[in-house]
Amino acid sequence: MQRLEEEFEKKKTESGPREVSLPCEVGSALKKRKAADSPIVKAFGIEGRDQLDQKVRRIFFTGGLAFNLARNPHYHRAFQFAAANKIDGYVSPVYSKLQTTLLEKERNHVEKLLNPLKSTWKERGVTIVSDGWSDPLKKPLINFMATSENGTVFIKPVNCFGEVKDRLFILGLMEEVINEVGKQNIVQIVTDKAANCKAAREIIESMYPHIYWTPSVVHTLNLALKNICAAKNVETYDECNWITIVHGDALAIKHFIMNHNMRLAIFCKFSPFKLFSVADTRFASIVVMLKRMKLIRHTHKAMVISDEWTTYRDDDVGKAMLVKEKIMDDDWWENVSYIIDFTATMYEMIRFCDTDKP
C-alpha cells in the first residue's frame, strides 16, 4: 500500500496539475486515513472506541461467553475504572492468578460483608436449612444455609455423587455445619421429611438437646398435594384417580402442541401467553400447569376451531382430533376448575412459605 502511494505521488509530480486516476486500494486507504484524521473523530476518540469495541467483542465470541455478561454491573465498573484511571504497566490477571490469589481475596471480601450479619447469630439465634437437588449434570447436591431474621447466608454445597445418603451420612454433614456455625448459635434445623433426615434428627436432638428439628412446611404440603393429585397408594388412588386422568389429558395437550412446530405456531397466533413446561420436581407442579391451562382456556378453544387447525393435516390427525375434543369438552374444564379450587389453600400456603423469609 505504501509503495502504491509513493508511485501515485511520483506520477502526480511528473505529470503536473492534470488529474490522475487512483487505484481502488489507494483511494480507499486515503479516505479511511482522512476520516480517521478528521477533527470530529479525534475530538470524540471514535477510532479508539471502535478498536476497543472490536477487542471486547472478540473476548465474547472467541471465549463463548454469554451475552448476559454485558449486563453485569461489575463488567461496566471495570471498564469505567480503567477509563477514568491511567494505570501505567497494568497487565490483566492471568489464569493462575484468577484461581488462586484473586479468588482468595474475593472470598475474604465476601466474608467481611457477611460479618455484620453473622454477628447477630449469637444474640438472636440461627436456623440451619438443608435442601437437596440435582445440578444440570444430574449430580445430587445438598445445600446448607443459615437463616435468621436479618437474612440468609449460604454455607456450602456438598456433592453426594456416589454416596449412600443414609442417616449416618446426613448426620456427618449436619455435624460439620453445626461445628462451622457454632452449636451455641443454632436454634433449629429444617430439612425435608425423608426417612434418612428423620433418623438423623433423632441423633442430633439427643446430642444437642437445645436444637430442634423442623420438617419443611413447603415439602410437607407438596407431599400432601402429590398424594392427592398423583396418588400411588391404593386407598387414595380409588378416590383421586380422576385427578390423575385430568392431569394426563393436560400433559397430552401440552406435549402435542409443543412437539409440533406448526401447531405451536398456530397456538402462538392466538395466545399472548406461553405454555408452561413445568418440571415434576417443582412444588405443586400439577396445579401450576392446570392454572396456566385454565388461564388460556378461551385461547385453546379459538385455536382448535380455527381454519389453520382444521386444514393442517401433516401430523397425527387422530391425536389432533382428540386434543380438539378434550379442549371443547366443558365437563373436562369443570374438572380442571374443581381441582384448582379445592387445592387452592395448600397451593397458596406453598407459595407463601416458599421464600427466603423466615
Protein backbone atom coordinates (compact mmCIF):
# COMPACT_ATOMS: atom_id res chain seq x y z
CA MET A 1 0.00 0.00 0.00
CA GLN A 2 2.81 2.41 0.88
CA ARG A 3 4.55 1.60 -2.44
CA LEU A 4 1.38 2.37 -4.41
CA GLU A 5 1.01 5.69 -2.62
CA GLU A 6 4.64 6.61 -3.44
CA GLU A 7 4.09 5.76 -7.14
CA PHE A 8 0.97 7.89 -7.15
CA GLU A 9 2.82 10.87 -5.68
CA LYS A 10 5.62 10.40 -8.23
CA LYS A 11 3.17 10.34 -11.17
CA LYS A 12 1.43 13.36 -9.80
CA THR A 13 4.72 15.32 -9.66
CA GLU A 14 5.82 14.26 -13.12
CA SER A 15 2.54 14.94 -14.86
CA GLY A 16 1.90 18.38 -13.42
CA PRO A 17 -1.56 19.55 -12.43
CA ARG A 18 -3.56 17.16 -14.62
CA GLU A 19 -5.84 14.61 -12.94
CA VAL A 20 -4.56 11.09 -12.31
CA SER A 21 -6.89 8.20 -11.54
CA LEU A 22 -6.22 6.46 -8.24
CA PRO A 23 -6.04 2.70 -7.77
CA CYS A 24 -9.04 1.49 -5.69
CA GLU A 25 -6.83 0.33 -2.80
CA VAL A 26 -5.04 3.68 -2.56
CA GLY A 27 -8.26 5.68 -2.74
CA SER A 28 -9.90 3.58 -0.05
CA ALA A 29 -6.87 3.83 2.23
CA LEU A 30 -6.65 7.61 1.79
CA LYS A 31 -10.35 8.05 2.55
CA LYS A 32 -10.04 5.99 5.74
CA ARG A 33 -6.93 7.92 6.79
CA LYS A 34 -8.66 11.25 6.18
CA ALA A 35 -11.71 10.09 8.09
CA ALA A 36 -9.55 8.97 10.99
CA ASP A 37 -7.65 12.27 10.96
CA SER A 38 -10.77 14.44 10.92
CA PRO A 39 -11.27 16.82 13.87
CA ILE A 40 -14.60 15.19 14.87
CA VAL A 41 -13.08 11.70 15.02
CA LYS A 42 -10.14 12.97 17.06
CA ALA A 43 -12.33 15.02 19.40
CA PHE A 44 -14.56 12.09 20.32
CA GLY A 45 -11.97 9.32 20.06
CA ILE A 46 -14.21 7.39 17.69
CA GLU A 47 -11.41 5.32 16.22
CA GLY A 48 -10.14 4.30 19.65
CA ARG A 49 -13.67 3.40 20.75
CA ASP A 50 -14.16 1.25 17.67
CA GLN A 51 -10.89 -0.58 18.28
CA LEU A 52 -11.80 -1.21 21.91
CA ASP A 53 -15.25 -2.49 20.89
CA GLN A 54 -13.52 -4.84 18.47
CA LYS A 55 -11.29 -6.28 21.20
CA VAL A 56 -14.18 -6.64 23.66
CA ARG A 57 -16.42 -8.40 21.17
CA ARG A 58 -13.65 -10.85 20.36
CA ILE A 59 -13.41 -11.72 24.06
CA PHE A 60 -17.08 -12.74 23.94
CA PHE A 61 -17.05 -14.50 20.59
CA THR A 62 -13.79 -16.44 20.93
CA GLY A 63 -14.43 -17.35 24.58
CA GLY A 64 -18.05 -18.43 24.06
CA LEU A 65 -19.22 -16.03 26.78
CA ALA A 66 -22.92 -15.41 27.36
CA PHE A 67 -24.14 -12.01 26.19
CA ASN A 68 -25.80 -11.57 29.59
CA LEU A 69 -22.33 -10.86 30.95
CA ALA A 70 -22.64 -7.42 29.33
CA ARG A 71 -25.47 -6.68 31.81
CA ASN A 72 -23.28 -7.44 34.82
CA PRO A 73 -22.67 -4.19 36.74
CA HIS A 74 -19.14 -5.31 37.62
CA TYR A 75 -18.39 -5.64 33.90
CA HIS A 76 -19.30 -1.97 33.39
CA ARG A 77 -17.49 -0.80 36.52
CA ALA A 78 -14.26 -2.47 35.42
CA PHE A 79 -14.20 -0.55 32.12
CA GLN A 80 -15.31 2.69 33.77
CA PHE A 81 -12.49 2.41 36.29
CA ALA A 82 -9.95 1.64 33.56
CA ALA A 83 -11.12 4.63 31.51
CA ALA A 84 -11.00 7.02 34.47
CA ASN A 85 -7.59 5.90 35.83
CA LYS A 86 -4.41 5.76 33.78
CA ILE A 87 -2.55 2.80 35.29
CA ASP A 88 0.85 2.53 33.60
CA GLY A 89 2.13 -1.00 33.02
CA TYR A 90 -1.09 -2.72 34.13
CA VAL A 91 -1.47 -6.31 32.90
CA SER A 92 -4.84 -8.10 33.10
CA PRO A 93 -4.97 -11.07 35.55
CA VAL A 94 -3.74 -14.39 34.17
CA TYR A 95 -5.45 -17.76 34.65
CA SER A 96 -3.36 -18.85 37.64
CA LYS A 97 -3.84 -15.54 39.47
CA LEU A 98 -7.61 -15.62 39.00
CA GLN A 99 -7.99 -19.09 40.51
CA THR A 100 -5.62 -18.52 43.45
CA THR A 101 -4.85 -15.12 44.95
CA LEU A 102 -7.73 -13.17 43.42
CA LEU A 103 -10.22 -15.88 44.35
CA GLU A 104 -8.96 -15.86 47.94
CA LYS A 105 -9.16 -12.05 48.10
CA GLU A 106 -12.74 -12.10 46.85
CA ARG A 107 -13.66 -14.76 49.40
CA ASN A 108 -12.20 -12.60 52.19
CA HIS A 109 -14.10 -9.61 50.84
CA VAL A 110 -17.40 -11.54 50.94
CA GLU A 111 -16.64 -12.76 54.47
CA LYS A 112 -16.18 -9.14 55.61
CA LEU A 113 -19.53 -8.23 54.08
CA LEU A 114 -21.18 -11.12 55.97
CA ASN A 115 -19.61 -10.33 59.35
CA PRO A 116 -22.34 -7.84 60.42
CA LEU A 117 -24.97 -10.47 59.61
CA LYS A 118 -23.16 -13.28 61.41
CA SER A 119 -22.62 -11.10 64.46
CA THR A 120 -26.37 -11.26 65.20
CA TRP A 121 -26.42 -15.05 65.36
CA LYS A 122 -25.13 -15.27 68.92
CA GLU A 123 -27.75 -12.86 70.22
CA ARG A 124 -30.81 -13.94 68.22
CA GLY A 125 -30.03 -17.48 67.09
CA VAL A 126 -29.96 -19.00 63.63
CA THR A 127 -31.73 -21.76 61.68
CA ILE A 128 -29.83 -24.28 59.55
CA VAL A 129 -31.71 -25.17 56.36
CA SER A 130 -30.83 -28.20 54.24
CA ASP A 131 -32.05 -28.67 50.67
CA GLY A 132 -31.27 -31.47 48.21
CA TRP A 133 -31.33 -31.02 44.43
CA SER A 134 -29.57 -32.06 41.22
CA ASP A 135 -27.32 -29.89 39.06
CA PRO A 136 -27.60 -29.73 35.22
CA LEU A 137 -25.33 -32.80 35.02
CA LYS A 138 -27.73 -34.74 37.29
CA LYS A 139 -25.23 -34.85 40.15
CA PRO A 140 -27.00 -34.94 43.53
CA LEU A 141 -26.14 -31.99 45.75
CA ILE A 142 -27.13 -30.94 49.26
CA ASN A 143 -27.04 -27.23 50.08
CA PHE A 144 -26.71 -25.89 53.60
CA MET A 145 -27.81 -22.38 54.53
CA ALA A 146 -28.01 -20.40 57.75
CA THR A 147 -31.02 -18.10 58.01
CA SER A 148 -32.15 -15.56 60.56
CA GLU A 149 -34.47 -12.56 60.58
CA ASN A 150 -31.69 -10.43 59.08
CA GLY A 151 -31.14 -12.65 56.04
CA THR A 152 -29.78 -15.93 54.72
CA VAL A 153 -26.14 -16.98 54.38
CA PHE A 154 -25.13 -19.80 52.03
CA ILE A 155 -22.82 -22.11 54.00
CA LYS A 156 -21.74 -24.73 51.46
CA PRO A 157 -22.86 -27.30 48.87
CA VAL A 158 -21.97 -30.98 49.22
CA ASN A 159 -21.55 -33.21 46.18
CA CYS A 160 -23.20 -36.53 47.08
CA PHE A 161 -22.38 -38.32 43.85
CA GLY A 162 -21.58 -41.97 44.60
CA GLU A 163 -22.52 -41.61 48.27
CA VAL A 164 -25.14 -43.63 50.11
CA LYS A 165 -27.33 -40.94 51.67
CA ASP A 166 -28.26 -42.88 54.82
CA ARG A 167 -28.78 -41.43 58.30
CA LEU A 168 -25.08 -41.61 59.20
CA PHE A 169 -24.06 -39.72 56.06
CA ILE A 170 -26.66 -36.99 56.70
CA LEU A 171 -25.63 -36.88 60.37
CA GLY A 172 -21.99 -36.33 59.43
CA LEU A 173 -22.87 -33.43 57.14
CA MET A 174 -25.06 -31.80 59.78
CA GLU A 175 -22.35 -32.10 62.42
CA GLU A 176 -19.86 -30.34 60.12
CA VAL A 177 -22.26 -27.44 59.61
CA ILE A 178 -23.13 -27.26 63.31
CA ASN A 179 -19.44 -27.00 64.21
CA GLU A 180 -18.85 -24.39 61.50
CA VAL A 181 -21.75 -22.16 62.56
CA GLY A 182 -21.37 -22.84 66.28
CA LYS A 183 -23.73 -25.11 68.21
CA GLN A 184 -24.46 -22.33 70.71
CA ASN A 185 -25.89 -20.18 67.89
CA ILE A 186 -28.28 -22.75 66.41
CA VAL A 187 -31.94 -22.88 67.39
CA GLN A 188 -33.30 -25.37 64.86
CA ILE A 189 -32.54 -27.43 61.77
CA VAL A 190 -35.01 -27.56 58.88
CA THR A 191 -34.94 -30.45 56.38
CA ASP A 192 -37.46 -32.37 54.32
CA LYS A 193 -39.35 -35.36 55.75
CA ALA A 194 -37.25 -38.07 54.12
CA ALA A 195 -36.64 -41.13 56.30
CA ASN A 196 -32.86 -40.58 56.45
CA CYS A 197 -33.34 -36.98 57.64
CA LYS A 198 -35.82 -38.05 60.30
CA ALA A 199 -33.39 -40.73 61.54
CA ALA A 200 -30.52 -38.23 61.67
CA ARG A 201 -32.79 -35.80 63.51
CA GLU A 202 -33.22 -38.16 66.45
CA ILE A 203 -29.45 -38.45 66.90
CA ILE A 204 -28.93 -34.67 66.55
CA GLU A 205 -31.58 -33.89 69.18
CA SER A 206 -30.04 -36.39 71.59
CA MET A 207 -26.56 -34.85 71.09
CA TYR A 208 -27.74 -31.22 71.21
CA PRO A 209 -30.92 -31.00 73.37
CA HIS A 210 -31.35 -27.27 72.67
CA ILE A 211 -31.54 -27.78 68.86
CA TYR A 212 -34.95 -28.59 67.38
CA TRP A 213 -35.60 -30.36 64.10
CA THR A 214 -38.46 -28.98 62.00
CA PRO A 215 -39.78 -30.54 58.78
CA SER A 216 -40.09 -28.16 55.83
CA VAL A 217 -43.62 -26.79 55.57
CA VAL A 218 -43.35 -26.47 51.80
CA HIS A 219 -42.06 -30.02 51.35
CA THR A 220 -44.74 -31.44 53.65
CA LEU A 221 -47.57 -29.66 51.83
CA ASN A 222 -46.14 -30.64 48.47
CA LEU A 223 -46.11 -34.31 49.52
CA ALA A 224 -49.77 -33.99 50.56
CA LEU A 225 -50.64 -32.37 47.25
CA LYS A 226 -48.83 -35.08 45.32
CA ASN A 227 -50.65 -37.76 47.31
CA ILE A 228 -53.93 -36.24 46.15
CA CYS A 229 -53.12 -35.25 42.56
CA ALA A 230 -50.76 -38.13 41.71
CA ALA A 231 -51.99 -40.82 44.06
CA LYS A 232 -49.99 -44.04 44.25
CA ASN A 233 -51.32 -45.88 47.29
CA VAL A 234 -54.45 -47.96 46.73
CA GLU A 235 -56.85 -46.18 49.10
CA THR A 236 -56.17 -42.69 47.77
CA TYR A 237 -55.91 -43.93 44.18
CA ASP A 238 -59.52 -45.17 44.15
CA GLU A 239 -60.82 -41.78 45.29
CA CYS A 240 -58.50 -39.48 43.35
CA ASN A 241 -57.69 -41.40 40.16
CA TRP A 242 -59.84 -38.99 38.11
CA ILE A 243 -57.42 -36.17 39.02
CA THR A 244 -54.51 -38.15 37.59
CA ILE A 245 -56.52 -38.69 34.40
CA VAL A 246 -57.26 -34.96 34.03
CA HIS A 247 -53.60 -34.16 34.60
CA GLY A 248 -52.63 -36.75 31.99
CA ASP A 249 -55.01 -35.14 29.49
CA ALA A 250 -53.48 -31.72 30.17
CA LEU A 251 -49.98 -33.11 29.61
CA ALA A 252 -51.08 -34.74 26.34
CA ILE A 253 -52.47 -31.41 25.08
CA LYS A 254 -49.32 -29.55 26.03
CA HIS A 255 -46.98 -32.14 24.51
CA PHE A 256 -48.94 -32.30 21.24
CA ILE A 257 -48.75 -28.52 20.80
CA MET A 258 -45.14 -28.16 21.96
CA ASN A 259 -43.82 -31.08 19.90
CA HIS A 260 -45.33 -29.98 16.55
CA ASN A 261 -43.88 -26.82 15.10
CA MET A 262 -46.92 -25.84 13.04
CA ARG A 263 -49.35 -26.50 15.90
CA LEU A 264 -47.14 -24.38 18.16
CA ALA A 265 -47.08 -21.61 15.52
CA ILE A 266 -50.89 -21.70 15.38
CA PHE A 267 -51.07 -21.58 19.19
CA CYS A 268 -48.76 -18.54 19.31
CA LYS A 269 -51.04 -16.66 16.91
CA PHE A 270 -53.93 -16.94 19.35
CA SER A 271 -52.25 -16.83 22.78
CA PRO A 272 -50.39 -13.92 24.42
CA PHE A 273 -49.01 -16.45 26.94
CA LYS A 274 -46.69 -19.41 26.56
CA LEU A 275 -47.43 -22.95 27.68
CA PHE A 276 -45.63 -23.86 30.89
CA SER A 277 -43.12 -26.70 30.78
CA VAL A 278 -43.21 -27.50 34.49
CA ALA A 279 -40.68 -29.92 35.93
CA ASP A 280 -42.07 -32.64 38.21
CA THR A 281 -39.58 -31.60 40.89
CA ARG A 282 -41.17 -28.16 41.18
CA PHE A 283 -43.50 -27.68 44.12
CA ALA A 284 -47.20 -28.01 43.16
CA SER A 285 -46.20 -28.62 39.53
CA ILE A 286 -49.59 -30.17 38.66
CA VAL A 287 -51.56 -27.19 39.97
CA VAL A 288 -49.21 -24.70 38.32
CA MET A 289 -49.76 -26.34 34.96
CA LEU A 290 -53.56 -26.58 35.31
CA LYS A 291 -53.81 -22.94 36.40
CA ARG A 292 -51.99 -21.84 33.25
CA MET A 293 -54.21 -24.10 31.11
CA LYS A 294 -57.32 -22.55 32.61
CA LEU A 295 -55.96 -19.02 32.17
CA ILE A 296 -55.75 -19.54 28.40
CA ARG A 297 -58.84 -21.73 28.10
CA HIS A 298 -60.57 -19.47 25.55
CA THR A 299 -57.34 -19.23 23.57
CA HIS A 300 -57.27 -23.02 23.26
CA LYS A 301 -60.85 -23.12 22.08
CA ALA A 302 -60.32 -20.39 19.48
CA MET A 303 -57.24 -22.24 18.27
CA VAL A 304 -58.85 -25.65 17.68
CA ILE A 305 -61.89 -24.22 15.84
CA SER A 306 -59.74 -22.07 13.57
CA ASP A 307 -59.27 -22.84 9.87
CA GLU A 308 -55.50 -23.24 10.37
CA TRP A 309 -56.01 -26.05 12.91
CA THR A 310 -58.57 -27.85 10.75
CA THR A 311 -56.72 -27.63 7.42
CA TYR A 312 -53.28 -28.63 8.71
CA ARG A 313 -53.02 -32.43 8.41
CA ASP A 314 -49.31 -33.21 8.14
CA ASP A 315 -49.02 -34.58 11.69
CA ASP A 316 -51.00 -37.17 13.66
CA VAL A 317 -54.58 -36.32 12.66
CA GLY A 318 -56.02 -38.72 15.25
CA LYS A 319 -54.22 -37.03 18.13
CA ALA A 320 -55.20 -33.62 16.79
CA MET A 321 -58.86 -34.66 16.88
CA LEU A 322 -58.55 -36.00 20.45
CA VAL A 323 -56.91 -32.74 21.57
CA LYS A 324 -59.72 -30.75 19.93
CA GLU A 325 -62.41 -32.91 21.58
CA LYS A 326 -60.84 -32.53 25.01
CA ILE A 327 -60.44 -28.75 24.69
CA MET A 328 -64.07 -28.35 23.55
CA ASP A 329 -65.35 -30.52 26.41
CA ASP A 330 -66.89 -28.19 29.04
CA ASP A 331 -67.10 -31.03 31.58
CA TRP A 332 -63.32 -31.51 31.34
CA TRP A 333 -62.75 -27.82 32.06
CA GLU A 334 -65.14 -28.07 35.02
CA ASN A 335 -62.92 -30.82 36.45
CA VAL A 336 -59.83 -28.63 35.93
CA SER A 337 -61.53 -25.77 37.79
CA TYR A 338 -62.58 -28.10 40.62
CA ILE A 339 -59.01 -29.37 41.10
CA ILE A 340 -57.68 -25.80 41.24
CA ASP A 341 -60.39 -24.69 43.69
CA PHE A 342 -60.08 -27.46 46.27
CA THR A 343 -56.25 -27.40 46.26
CA ALA A 344 -56.15 -23.57 46.48
CA THR A 345 -55.46 -23.46 50.22
CA MET A 346 -52.44 -25.77 50.00
CA TYR A 347 -51.18 -24.07 46.84
CA GLU A 348 -51.36 -20.58 48.37
CA MET A 349 -49.62 -21.79 51.54
CA ILE A 350 -46.82 -23.34 49.45
CA ARG A 351 -46.41 -20.07 47.54
CA PHE A 352 -46.41 -18.12 50.81
CA CYS A 353 -43.79 -20.33 52.50
CA ASP A 354 -41.52 -20.94 49.51
CA THR A 355 -39.47 -17.76 50.03
CA ASP A 356 -36.20 -16.69 51.62
CA LYS A 357 -38.03 -15.14 54.57
CA PRO A 358 -38.03 -16.94 57.94
